[in-house]
Amino acid sequence: MAEVLSDVALDQLFRTARTQNAFLDKPVEDSQLRALYDLLKWGPTAANSTPARIVFVKSKEAKAKLAPALSEGNLAKTLAAPVTAIIGFDQDFHEKLPYLFPHADAKSWFDGPREGRHESAFRNGSLQGAYLILAARALGLDAGPMSGFDAAKVDEAFFAGTGIKTNFLVNLGYGDPSGVFPRLPRLSFDEAARIE
């Protein structure tokens, strides 16, 4: 039976964790990004489909490819971040299901036009993007997830000729506290949930 995490762990993952808008000039090692993926990959997805495809944009050349797709408000902070993760979703994820879900013919559930797989790929890829944020926090990194970019330009620069589409971006590194906005409110349980 799993035990409840400590308050320290819960704070690091949720309660005191913040969306970062600025990062310290401290590199994120490739080994950390591999460890991050090796943690997030265990999060659940439907039929173990794992449709997320991630590009860790780290080099100056890769940042230059990403820059034209960024909105003005996200440009400087993204170029300054040690790493930007492009969270994509593979609309042809079903091709890997014979390996990922071998006890049933799950590939046949998704055969046909990509439009029929889009919703599942997007939903489960979004889950994996959320797992990436939590895995980063668990490993001592900070995250700044964002919209505010031209997805078609990102697709053209990083996923051309594939069935992969961009969902959202996450800046990763060690957060600079001076860039954090004041904590915003959240809805109460009664405002956002109910038990039936």
N, C-alpha and C. Protein backbone atom coordinates (compact mmCIF):
# COMPACT_ATOMS: atom_id res chain seq x y z
N MET A 1 0.85 -1.18 0.00
CA MET A 1 0.00 0.00 0.00
C MET A 1 0.89 1.25 0.00
N ALA A 2 0.59 2.19 -0.86
CA ALA A 2 1.36 3.43 -0.95
C ALA A 2 1.07 4.31 0.26
N GLU A 3 2.07 5.05 0.69
CA GLU A 3 1.92 5.97 1.80
C GLU A 3 1.68 7.39 1.28
N VAL A 4 1.04 8.20 2.08
CA VAL A 4 0.84 9.61 1.73
C VAL A 4 2.20 10.30 1.74
N LEU A 5 2.45 11.11 0.72
CA LEU A 5 3.71 11.85 0.65
C LEU A 5 3.79 12.86 1.80
N SER A 6 4.99 13.21 2.15
CA SER A 6 5.19 14.20 3.21
C SER A 6 4.70 15.57 2.74
N ASP A 7 4.46 16.46 3.71
CA ASP A 7 4.07 17.83 3.36
C ASP A 7 5.15 18.52 2.55
N VAL A 8 6.42 18.20 2.83
CA VAL A 8 7.52 18.78 2.06
C VAL A 8 7.39 18.39 0.59
N ALA A 9 7.12 17.11 0.33
CA ALA A 9 6.98 16.65 -1.05
C ALA A 9 5.75 17.25 -1.71
N LEU A 10 4.64 17.30 -0.98
CA LEU A 10 3.42 17.87 -1.55
C LEU A 10 3.59 19.36 -1.84
N ASP A 11 4.32 20.06 -0.98
CA ASP A 11 4.61 21.47 -1.25
C ASP A 11 5.43 21.61 -2.52
N GLN A 12 6.47 20.78 -2.67
CA GLN A 12 7.35 20.86 -3.84
C GLN A 12 6.61 20.57 -5.13
N LEU A 13 5.68 19.65 -5.08
CA LEU A 13 4.94 19.29 -6.29
C LEU A 13 3.78 20.23 -6.58
N PHE A 14 3.11 20.73 -5.53
CA PHE A 14 1.87 21.48 -5.74
C PHE A 14 1.79 22.80 -5.00
N ARG A 15 1.79 22.78 -3.67
CA ARG A 15 1.35 23.92 -2.88
C ARG A 15 2.26 25.14 -2.97
N THR A 16 3.55 24.94 -2.98
CA THR A 16 4.45 26.10 -3.07
C THR A 16 5.15 26.18 -4.42
N ALA A 17 4.95 25.19 -5.27
CA ALA A 17 5.52 25.23 -6.62
C ALA A 17 4.86 26.36 -7.39
N ARG A 18 5.64 27.03 -8.23
CA ARG A 18 5.14 28.18 -8.95
C ARG A 18 5.49 28.07 -10.43
N THR A 19 4.66 28.66 -11.27
CA THR A 19 5.00 28.81 -12.67
C THR A 19 6.12 29.83 -12.78
N GLN A 20 7.20 29.44 -13.42
CA GLN A 20 8.38 30.30 -13.50
C GLN A 20 8.39 31.12 -14.78
N ASN A 21 8.74 32.39 -14.63
CA ASN A 21 8.83 33.31 -15.77
C ASN A 21 10.26 33.76 -16.02
N ALA A 22 11.17 33.41 -15.11
CA ALA A 22 12.58 33.74 -15.26
C ALA A 22 13.39 32.63 -14.63
N PHE A 23 14.57 32.40 -15.18
CA PHE A 23 15.41 31.31 -14.71
C PHE A 23 16.82 31.80 -14.41
N LEU A 24 17.45 31.16 -13.45
CA LEU A 24 18.83 31.46 -13.13
C LEU A 24 19.74 30.96 -14.26
N ASP A 25 20.89 31.56 -14.38
CA ASP A 25 21.86 31.16 -15.40
C ASP A 25 22.60 29.92 -14.91
N LYS A 26 21.87 28.82 -14.89
CA LYS A 26 22.40 27.54 -14.39
C LYS A 26 21.93 26.47 -15.36
N PRO A 27 22.85 25.71 -15.94
CA PRO A 27 22.45 24.76 -16.98
C PRO A 27 21.65 23.57 -16.45
N VAL A 28 20.86 23.00 -17.33
CA VAL A 28 20.19 21.73 -17.09
C VAL A 28 20.93 20.70 -17.94
N GLU A 29 21.42 19.67 -17.30
CA GLU A 29 22.21 18.66 -17.99
C GLU A 29 21.32 17.71 -18.79
N ASP A 30 21.88 17.15 -19.86
CA ASP A 30 21.14 16.16 -20.65
C ASP A 30 20.71 14.99 -19.79
N SER A 31 21.55 14.60 -18.85
CA SER A 31 21.21 13.48 -17.96
C SER A 31 19.96 13.79 -17.14
N GLN A 32 19.76 15.06 -16.78
CA GLN A 32 18.56 15.44 -16.04
C GLN A 32 17.32 15.32 -16.93
N LEU A 33 17.46 15.67 -18.20
CA LEU A 33 16.32 15.56 -19.11
C LEU A 33 15.97 14.10 -19.36
N ARG A 34 16.97 13.26 -19.44
CA ARG A 34 16.71 11.82 -19.57
C ARG A 34 16.02 11.27 -18.32
N ALA A 35 16.48 11.70 -17.14
CA ALA A 35 15.85 11.27 -15.90
C ALA A 35 14.41 11.77 -15.82
N LEU A 36 14.19 12.98 -16.31
CA LEU A 36 12.85 13.56 -16.34
C LEU A 36 11.92 12.70 -17.20
N TYR A 37 12.37 12.36 -18.42
CA TYR A 37 11.55 11.51 -19.27
C TYR A 37 11.34 10.12 -18.64
N ASP A 38 12.40 9.57 -18.06
CA ASP A 38 12.29 8.24 -17.47
C ASP A 38 11.33 8.20 -16.29
N LEU A 39 11.02 9.34 -15.71
CA LEU A 39 10.02 9.42 -14.65
C LEU A 39 8.62 9.64 -15.23
N LEU A 40 8.49 10.61 -16.12
CA LEU A 40 7.16 10.95 -16.64
C LEU A 40 6.54 9.82 -17.46
N LYS A 41 7.37 8.97 -18.07
CA LYS A 41 6.84 7.92 -18.94
C LYS A 41 5.97 6.91 -18.21
N TRP A 42 6.06 6.89 -16.86
CA TRP A 42 5.27 5.92 -16.10
C TRP A 42 3.86 6.40 -15.80
N GLY A 43 3.55 7.65 -16.09
CA GLY A 43 2.20 8.15 -15.86
C GLY A 43 1.21 7.44 -16.78
N PRO A 44 -0.03 7.22 -16.33
CA PRO A 44 -0.99 6.47 -17.12
C PRO A 44 -1.52 7.22 -18.34
N THR A 45 -1.72 6.47 -19.42
CA THR A 45 -2.41 6.94 -20.61
C THR A 45 -3.32 5.82 -21.08
N ALA A 46 -4.35 6.15 -21.84
CA ALA A 46 -5.31 5.17 -22.32
C ALA A 46 -4.60 4.12 -23.19
N ALA A 47 -4.83 2.86 -22.89
CA ALA A 47 -4.22 1.75 -23.63
C ALA A 47 -2.71 1.87 -23.70
N ASN A 48 -2.12 2.52 -22.68
CA ASN A 48 -0.67 2.73 -22.65
C ASN A 48 -0.17 3.37 -23.94
N SER A 49 -0.98 4.25 -24.50
CA SER A 49 -0.71 4.79 -25.83
C SER A 49 0.47 5.75 -25.88
N THR A 50 0.78 6.40 -24.80
CA THR A 50 1.90 7.33 -24.68
C THR A 50 2.18 8.13 -25.96
N PRO A 51 1.23 8.97 -26.38
CA PRO A 51 1.39 9.69 -27.64
C PRO A 51 2.27 10.94 -27.57
N ALA A 52 2.68 11.35 -26.38
CA ALA A 52 3.50 12.57 -26.30
C ALA A 52 4.84 12.36 -26.99
N ARG A 53 5.26 13.37 -27.72
CA ARG A 53 6.59 13.41 -28.32
C ARG A 53 7.18 14.75 -27.90
N ILE A 54 8.37 14.70 -27.33
CA ILE A 54 8.95 15.87 -26.69
C ILE A 54 10.27 16.23 -27.35
N VAL A 55 10.42 17.49 -27.65
CA VAL A 55 11.70 18.02 -28.12
C VAL A 55 12.20 18.94 -27.02
N PHE A 56 13.37 18.64 -26.48
CA PHE A 56 14.00 19.51 -25.49
C PHE A 56 14.89 20.49 -26.24
N VAL A 57 14.43 21.71 -26.37
CA VAL A 57 15.13 22.74 -27.13
C VAL A 57 16.16 23.38 -26.19
N LYS A 58 17.43 23.16 -26.50
CA LYS A 58 18.48 23.57 -25.58
C LYS A 58 19.59 24.37 -26.26
N SER A 59 19.97 24.00 -27.46
CA SER A 59 21.08 24.66 -28.14
C SER A 59 20.66 26.02 -28.68
N LYS A 60 21.64 26.88 -28.95
CA LYS A 60 21.35 28.19 -29.54
C LYS A 60 20.68 28.03 -30.89
N GLU A 61 21.12 27.03 -31.66
CA GLU A 61 20.55 26.80 -32.99
C GLU A 61 19.08 26.41 -32.88
N ALA A 62 18.77 25.53 -31.94
CA ALA A 62 17.38 25.09 -31.76
C ALA A 62 16.52 26.24 -31.24
N LYS A 63 17.06 27.05 -30.34
CA LYS A 63 16.31 28.21 -29.84
C LYS A 63 16.02 29.19 -30.98
N ALA A 64 16.98 29.35 -31.89
CA ALA A 64 16.78 30.23 -33.04
C ALA A 64 15.67 29.70 -33.95
N LYS A 65 15.54 28.39 -34.06
CA LYS A 65 14.45 27.79 -34.84
C LYS A 65 13.10 28.03 -34.18
N LEU A 66 13.09 28.02 -32.85
CA LEU A 66 11.84 28.20 -32.11
C LEU A 66 11.40 29.66 -32.06
N ALA A 67 12.35 30.58 -32.03
CA ALA A 67 12.06 32.00 -31.79
C ALA A 67 10.97 32.59 -32.69
N PRO A 68 10.97 32.33 -34.02
CA PRO A 68 9.94 32.96 -34.86
C PRO A 68 8.51 32.54 -34.53
N ALA A 69 8.35 31.45 -33.80
CA ALA A 69 7.01 30.98 -33.45
C ALA A 69 6.48 31.57 -32.15
N LEU A 70 7.34 32.25 -31.39
CA LEU A 70 6.96 32.72 -30.06
C LEU A 70 6.27 34.07 -30.11
N SER A 71 5.28 34.26 -29.23
CA SER A 71 4.65 35.57 -29.10
C SER A 71 5.64 36.53 -28.46
N GLU A 72 5.40 37.82 -28.64
CA GLU A 72 6.31 38.83 -28.10
C GLU A 72 6.49 38.67 -26.59
N GLY A 73 5.41 38.35 -25.88
CA GLY A 73 5.48 38.23 -24.43
C GLY A 73 6.25 37.01 -23.93
N ASN A 74 6.41 36.02 -24.80
CA ASN A 74 7.12 34.80 -24.40
C ASN A 74 8.52 34.68 -24.99
N LEU A 75 8.89 35.59 -25.87
CA LEU A 75 10.16 35.46 -26.59
C LEU A 75 11.38 35.53 -25.68
N ALA A 76 11.53 36.62 -24.94
CA ALA A 76 12.74 36.82 -24.15
C ALA A 76 12.89 35.74 -23.08
N LYS A 77 11.82 35.44 -22.36
CA LYS A 77 11.95 34.46 -21.28
C LYS A 77 12.23 33.07 -21.81
N THR A 78 11.73 32.74 -22.99
CA THR A 78 11.97 31.41 -23.55
C THR A 78 13.40 31.31 -24.08
N LEU A 79 13.88 32.34 -24.71
CA LEU A 79 15.26 32.31 -25.19
C LEU A 79 16.25 32.27 -24.03
N ALA A 80 15.87 32.85 -22.88
CA ALA A 80 16.76 32.87 -21.71
C ALA A 80 16.68 31.60 -20.89
N ALA A 81 15.60 30.84 -21.02
CA ALA A 81 15.45 29.60 -20.24
C ALA A 81 16.50 28.57 -20.67
N PRO A 82 17.03 27.81 -19.74
CA PRO A 82 18.02 26.79 -20.11
C PRO A 82 17.49 25.77 -21.11
N VAL A 83 16.22 25.40 -20.97
CA VAL A 83 15.60 24.40 -21.84
C VAL A 83 14.14 24.78 -22.06
N THR A 84 13.66 24.56 -23.26
CA THR A 84 12.22 24.65 -23.53
C THR A 84 11.78 23.31 -24.09
N ALA A 85 10.82 22.69 -23.41
CA ALA A 85 10.27 21.43 -23.87
C ALA A 85 9.07 21.71 -24.76
N ILE A 86 9.13 21.21 -25.99
CA ILE A 86 7.96 21.26 -26.87
C ILE A 86 7.19 19.97 -26.61
N ILE A 87 5.97 20.11 -26.11
CA ILE A 87 5.13 18.95 -25.85
C ILE A 87 4.25 18.74 -27.07
N GLY A 88 4.57 17.72 -27.83
CA GLY A 88 3.79 17.38 -29.00
C GLY A 88 3.00 16.11 -28.76
N PHE A 89 2.10 15.81 -29.68
CA PHE A 89 1.35 14.56 -29.61
C PHE A 89 1.35 13.92 -30.99
N ASP A 90 1.62 12.63 -31.02
CA ASP A 90 1.74 11.89 -32.27
C ASP A 90 0.38 11.34 -32.67
N GLN A 91 -0.15 11.85 -33.77
CA GLN A 91 -1.45 11.37 -34.25
C GLN A 91 -1.36 9.96 -34.83
N ASP A 92 -0.14 9.47 -35.00
CA ASP A 92 0.06 8.10 -35.46
C ASP A 92 0.59 7.21 -34.34
N PHE A 93 0.22 7.56 -33.11
CA PHE A 93 0.67 6.80 -31.94
C PHE A 93 0.28 5.33 -32.01
N HIS A 94 -0.80 5.03 -32.70
CA HIS A 94 -1.32 3.66 -32.74
C HIS A 94 -0.34 2.68 -33.38
N GLU A 95 0.59 3.19 -34.17
CA GLU A 95 1.57 2.30 -34.81
C GLU A 95 2.46 1.59 -33.77
N LYS A 96 2.60 2.17 -32.59
CA LYS A 96 3.43 1.57 -31.54
C LYS A 96 2.62 0.73 -30.56
N LEU A 97 1.31 0.64 -30.73
CA LEU A 97 0.49 -0.11 -29.79
C LEU A 97 0.76 -1.62 -29.78
N PRO A 98 1.15 -2.24 -30.89
CA PRO A 98 1.49 -3.67 -30.78
C PRO A 98 2.61 -3.93 -29.76
N TYR A 99 3.51 -2.99 -29.59
CA TYR A 99 4.57 -3.09 -28.58
C TYR A 99 4.08 -2.62 -27.21
N LEU A 100 3.37 -1.49 -27.18
CA LEU A 100 2.98 -0.88 -25.91
C LEU A 100 1.78 -1.54 -25.25
N PHE A 101 0.92 -2.18 -26.03
CA PHE A 101 -0.32 -2.80 -25.51
C PHE A 101 -0.50 -4.15 -26.20
N PRO A 102 0.43 -5.10 -25.97
CA PRO A 102 0.48 -6.33 -26.77
C PRO A 102 -0.61 -7.35 -26.49
N HIS A 103 -1.34 -7.22 -25.40
CA HIS A 103 -2.32 -8.25 -25.06
C HIS A 103 -3.67 -8.07 -25.76
N ALA A 104 -3.78 -7.06 -26.61
CA ALA A 104 -5.00 -6.86 -27.41
C ALA A 104 -4.59 -6.19 -28.72
N ASP A 105 -5.46 -6.29 -29.72
CA ASP A 105 -5.19 -5.66 -31.01
C ASP A 105 -5.63 -4.19 -30.95
N ALA A 106 -4.97 -3.43 -30.07
CA ALA A 106 -5.36 -2.03 -29.84
C ALA A 106 -5.10 -1.17 -31.06
N LYS A 107 -4.13 -1.54 -31.88
CA LYS A 107 -3.85 -0.74 -33.09
C LYS A 107 -5.10 -0.63 -33.95
N SER A 108 -5.84 -1.72 -34.07
CA SER A 108 -7.04 -1.72 -34.92
C SER A 108 -8.11 -0.77 -34.40
N TRP A 109 -8.08 -0.45 -33.11
CA TRP A 109 -9.07 0.47 -32.54
C TRP A 109 -8.90 1.87 -33.12
N PHE A 110 -7.69 2.17 -33.59
CA PHE A 110 -7.37 3.53 -34.04
C PHE A 110 -7.00 3.61 -35.51
N ASP A 111 -7.11 2.49 -36.24
CA ASP A 111 -6.81 2.52 -37.67
C ASP A 111 -7.78 3.47 -38.37
N GLY A 112 -7.36 4.00 -39.49
CA GLY A 112 -8.20 4.91 -40.25
C GLY A 112 -7.59 6.30 -40.29
N PRO A 113 -8.38 7.28 -40.70
CA PRO A 113 -7.86 8.66 -40.83
C PRO A 113 -7.38 9.23 -39.49
N ARG A 114 -6.40 10.11 -39.58
CA ARG A 114 -5.84 10.74 -38.37
C ARG A 114 -6.90 11.46 -37.54
N GLU A 115 -7.89 12.01 -38.19
CA GLU A 115 -8.93 12.74 -37.46
C GLU A 115 -9.56 11.86 -36.39
N GLY A 116 -9.64 10.56 -36.64
CA GLY A 116 -10.23 9.64 -35.68
C GLY A 116 -9.34 9.36 -34.47
N ARG A 117 -8.07 9.72 -34.57
CA ARG A 117 -7.12 9.51 -33.47
C ARG A 117 -6.76 10.80 -32.75
N HIS A 118 -7.10 11.92 -33.36
CA HIS A 118 -6.66 13.22 -32.85
C HIS A 118 -7.05 13.43 -31.39
N GLU A 119 -8.30 13.19 -31.05
CA GLU A 119 -8.78 13.47 -29.70
C GLU A 119 -8.02 12.65 -28.66
N SER A 120 -7.84 11.37 -28.93
CA SER A 120 -7.12 10.51 -27.98
C SER A 120 -5.65 10.92 -27.88
N ALA A 121 -5.04 11.24 -29.01
CA ALA A 121 -3.64 11.67 -29.00
C ALA A 121 -3.48 12.97 -28.22
N PHE A 122 -4.38 13.92 -28.44
CA PHE A 122 -4.32 15.20 -27.75
C PHE A 122 -4.55 15.03 -26.25
N ARG A 123 -5.58 14.28 -25.88
CA ARG A 123 -5.91 14.10 -24.46
C ARG A 123 -4.77 13.43 -23.71
N ASN A 124 -4.30 12.32 -24.23
CA ASN A 124 -3.27 11.56 -23.53
C ASN A 124 -1.91 12.23 -23.60
N GLY A 125 -1.63 12.93 -24.69
CA GLY A 125 -0.41 13.72 -24.77
C GLY A 125 -0.42 14.88 -23.78
N SER A 126 -1.60 15.46 -23.55
CA SER A 126 -1.73 16.53 -22.55
C SER A 126 -1.46 16.00 -21.15
N LEU A 127 -1.99 14.80 -20.86
CA LEU A 127 -1.67 14.17 -19.58
C LEU A 127 -0.17 14.04 -19.41
N GLN A 128 0.50 13.56 -20.44
CA GLN A 128 1.94 13.37 -20.34
C GLN A 128 2.68 14.69 -20.16
N GLY A 129 2.17 15.77 -20.76
CA GLY A 129 2.78 17.07 -20.54
C GLY A 129 2.64 17.51 -19.09
N ALA A 130 1.50 17.20 -18.47
CA ALA A 130 1.32 17.51 -17.05
C ALA A 130 2.26 16.65 -16.21
N TYR A 131 2.42 15.39 -16.59
CA TYR A 131 3.37 14.54 -15.86
C TYR A 131 4.79 15.12 -15.96
N LEU A 132 5.13 15.70 -17.10
CA LEU A 132 6.45 16.29 -17.26
C LEU A 132 6.66 17.42 -16.24
N ILE A 133 5.65 18.25 -16.06
CA ILE A 133 5.77 19.36 -15.10
C ILE A 133 5.99 18.81 -13.70
N LEU A 134 5.20 17.82 -13.31
CA LEU A 134 5.34 17.25 -11.97
C LEU A 134 6.67 16.51 -11.82
N ALA A 135 7.10 15.80 -12.86
CA ALA A 135 8.39 15.10 -12.80
C ALA A 135 9.52 16.11 -12.66
N ALA A 136 9.44 17.23 -13.39
CA ALA A 136 10.47 18.26 -13.26
C ALA A 136 10.54 18.76 -11.83
N ARG A 137 9.40 19.07 -11.25
CA ARG A 137 9.37 19.55 -9.87
C ARG A 137 9.91 18.48 -8.91
N ALA A 138 9.56 17.24 -9.14
CA ALA A 138 10.03 16.15 -8.28
C ALA A 138 11.54 16.01 -8.33
N LEU A 139 12.13 16.35 -9.47
CA LEU A 139 13.58 16.23 -9.65
C LEU A 139 14.33 17.52 -9.33
N GLY A 140 13.63 18.50 -8.78
CA GLY A 140 14.30 19.73 -8.35
C GLY A 140 14.40 20.81 -9.40
N LEU A 141 13.72 20.62 -10.53
CA LEU A 141 13.69 21.65 -11.56
C LEU A 141 12.41 22.47 -11.43
N ASP A 142 12.42 23.64 -12.01
CA ASP A 142 11.23 24.48 -12.07
C ASP A 142 10.69 24.49 -13.49
N ALA A 143 9.40 24.78 -13.62
CA ALA A 143 8.75 24.72 -14.93
C ALA A 143 7.92 25.98 -15.16
N GLY A 144 7.87 26.38 -16.41
CA GLY A 144 7.03 27.51 -16.83
C GLY A 144 6.24 27.11 -18.05
N PRO A 145 5.12 26.39 -17.87
CA PRO A 145 4.30 25.99 -19.02
C PRO A 145 3.62 27.20 -19.66
N MET A 146 3.40 27.14 -20.97
CA MET A 146 2.80 28.30 -21.63
C MET A 146 2.17 27.96 -22.97
N SER A 147 1.23 28.80 -23.31
CA SER A 147 0.73 28.94 -24.67
C SER A 147 1.43 30.18 -25.22
N GLY A 148 0.82 30.88 -26.14
CA GLY A 148 1.45 32.10 -26.64
C GLY A 148 2.53 31.82 -27.67
N PHE A 149 2.18 31.02 -28.66
CA PHE A 149 3.09 30.70 -29.76
C PHE A 149 2.27 30.25 -30.95
N ASP A 150 2.88 30.23 -32.10
CA ASP A 150 2.23 29.78 -33.33
C ASP A 150 2.55 28.30 -33.51
N ALA A 151 1.57 27.45 -33.22
CA ALA A 151 1.79 26.00 -33.26
C ALA A 151 2.18 25.53 -34.66
N ALA A 152 1.61 26.12 -35.68
CA ALA A 152 1.93 25.70 -37.05
C ALA A 152 3.41 25.96 -37.35
N LYS A 153 3.94 27.08 -36.86
CA LYS A 153 5.36 27.37 -37.07
C LYS A 153 6.25 26.39 -36.30
N VAL A 154 5.84 26.05 -35.08
CA VAL A 154 6.62 25.07 -34.31
C VAL A 154 6.59 23.72 -35.01
N ASP A 155 5.41 23.32 -35.49
CA ASP A 155 5.29 22.05 -36.22
C ASP A 155 6.21 22.04 -37.43
N GLU A 156 6.22 23.13 -38.18
CA GLU A 156 7.05 23.20 -39.38
C GLU A 156 8.53 23.13 -39.03
N ALA A 157 8.93 23.78 -37.96
CA ALA A 157 10.34 23.82 -37.58
C ALA A 157 10.83 22.52 -36.96
N PHE A 158 9.96 21.80 -36.24
CA PHE A 158 10.43 20.65 -35.48
C PHE A 158 9.77 19.32 -35.84
N PHE A 159 8.59 19.34 -36.46
CA PHE A 159 7.86 18.10 -36.73
C PHE A 159 7.44 17.94 -38.18
N ALA A 160 8.06 18.67 -39.10
CA ALA A 160 7.66 18.63 -40.51
C ALA A 160 7.72 17.20 -41.04
N GLY A 161 6.71 16.83 -41.82
CA GLY A 161 6.68 15.51 -42.44
C GLY A 161 6.27 14.38 -41.52
N THR A 162 5.78 14.71 -40.33
CA THR A 162 5.35 13.68 -39.38
C THR A 162 3.88 13.90 -39.03
N GLY A 163 3.33 13.00 -38.24
CA GLY A 163 1.97 13.15 -37.73
C GLY A 163 1.95 13.81 -36.36
N ILE A 164 3.06 14.43 -35.97
CA ILE A 164 3.16 15.05 -34.65
C ILE A 164 2.72 16.51 -34.73
N LYS A 165 1.91 16.90 -33.76
CA LYS A 165 1.43 18.28 -33.64
C LYS A 165 1.83 18.84 -32.28
N THR A 166 2.10 20.13 -32.23
CA THR A 166 2.49 20.79 -30.99
C THR A 166 1.27 21.07 -30.13
N ASN A 167 1.40 20.80 -28.84
CA ASN A 167 0.34 21.08 -27.88
C ASN A 167 0.69 22.33 -27.07
N PHE A 168 1.77 22.29 -26.28
CA PHE A 168 2.19 23.46 -25.52
C PHE A 168 3.68 23.40 -25.25
N LEU A 169 4.21 24.47 -24.66
CA LEU A 169 5.63 24.59 -24.37
C LEU A 169 5.83 24.68 -22.86
N VAL A 170 6.99 24.19 -22.40
CA VAL A 170 7.34 24.29 -20.98
C VAL A 170 8.80 24.71 -20.87
N ASN A 171 9.04 25.90 -20.32
CA ASN A 171 10.41 26.29 -20.01
C ASN A 171 10.85 25.56 -18.76
N LEU A 172 12.10 25.09 -18.76
CA LEU A 172 12.63 24.30 -17.65
C LEU A 172 13.96 24.87 -17.18
N GLY A 173 14.21 24.76 -15.91
CA GLY A 173 15.49 25.20 -15.35
C GLY A 173 15.35 25.41 -13.86
N TYR A 174 16.14 26.34 -13.35
CA TYR A 174 16.11 26.70 -11.94
C TYR A 174 15.53 28.10 -11.85
N GLY A 175 14.35 28.21 -11.28
CA GLY A 175 13.62 29.46 -11.29
C GLY A 175 14.30 30.59 -10.55
N ASP A 176 14.16 31.78 -11.09
CA ASP A 176 14.63 33.00 -10.46
C ASP A 176 13.44 33.58 -9.70
N PRO A 177 13.49 33.61 -8.38
CA PRO A 177 12.34 34.08 -7.60
C PRO A 177 11.88 35.49 -7.97
N SER A 178 12.77 36.32 -8.52
CA SER A 178 12.38 37.68 -8.87
C SER A 178 11.39 37.72 -10.03
N GLY A 179 11.27 36.62 -10.77
CA GLY A 179 10.36 36.59 -11.91
C GLY A 179 8.99 36.00 -11.60
N VAL A 180 8.76 35.63 -10.34
CA VAL A 180 7.50 34.99 -9.97
C VAL A 180 6.47 36.06 -9.62
N PHE A 181 5.29 35.92 -10.20
CA PHE A 181 4.19 36.83 -9.88
C PHE A 181 3.61 36.47 -8.51
N PRO A 182 2.88 37.39 -7.88
CA PRO A 182 2.22 37.05 -6.62
C PRO A 182 1.28 35.85 -6.83
N ARG A 183 1.15 35.05 -5.79
CA ARG A 183 0.31 33.85 -5.86
C ARG A 183 -1.14 34.25 -6.14
N LEU A 184 -1.73 33.65 -7.14
CA LEU A 184 -3.12 33.93 -7.51
C LEU A 184 -4.06 32.96 -6.81
N PRO A 185 -5.31 33.35 -6.64
CA PRO A 185 -6.25 32.47 -5.95
C PRO A 185 -6.62 31.25 -6.78
N ARG A 186 -7.17 30.27 -6.11
CA ARG A 186 -7.71 29.08 -6.76
C ARG A 186 -9.16 28.93 -6.32
N LEU A 187 -9.94 28.24 -7.12
CA LEU A 187 -11.34 27.98 -6.76
C LEU A 187 -11.39 26.99 -5.61
N SER A 188 -12.38 27.15 -4.75
CA SER A 188 -12.59 26.21 -3.65
C SER A 188 -13.19 24.92 -4.21
N PHE A 189 -13.19 23.91 -3.39
CA PHE A 189 -13.80 22.63 -3.78
C PHE A 189 -15.24 22.85 -4.24
N ASP A 190 -16.01 23.59 -3.46
CA ASP A 190 -17.42 23.76 -3.77
C ASP A 190 -17.67 24.56 -5.05
N GLU A 191 -16.69 25.38 -5.44
CA GLU A 191 -16.82 26.14 -6.67
C GLU A 191 -16.46 25.31 -7.91
N ALA A 192 -15.63 24.30 -7.73
CA ALA A 192 -15.10 23.58 -8.89
C ALA A 192 -15.43 22.09 -8.92
N ALA A 193 -15.97 21.57 -7.84
CA ALA A 193 -16.19 20.12 -7.78
C ALA A 193 -17.44 19.82 -6.98
N ARG A 194 -17.92 18.60 -7.14
CA ARG A 194 -19.03 18.12 -6.32
C ARG A 194 -18.92 16.60 -6.20
N ILE A 195 -19.52 16.09 -5.18
CA ILE A 195 -19.55 14.65 -4.95
C ILE A 195 -20.98 14.20 -5.12
N GLU A 196 -21.20 13.22 -5.97
CA GLU A 196 -22.57 12.71 -6.19
C GLU A 196 -22.66 11.27 -5.76
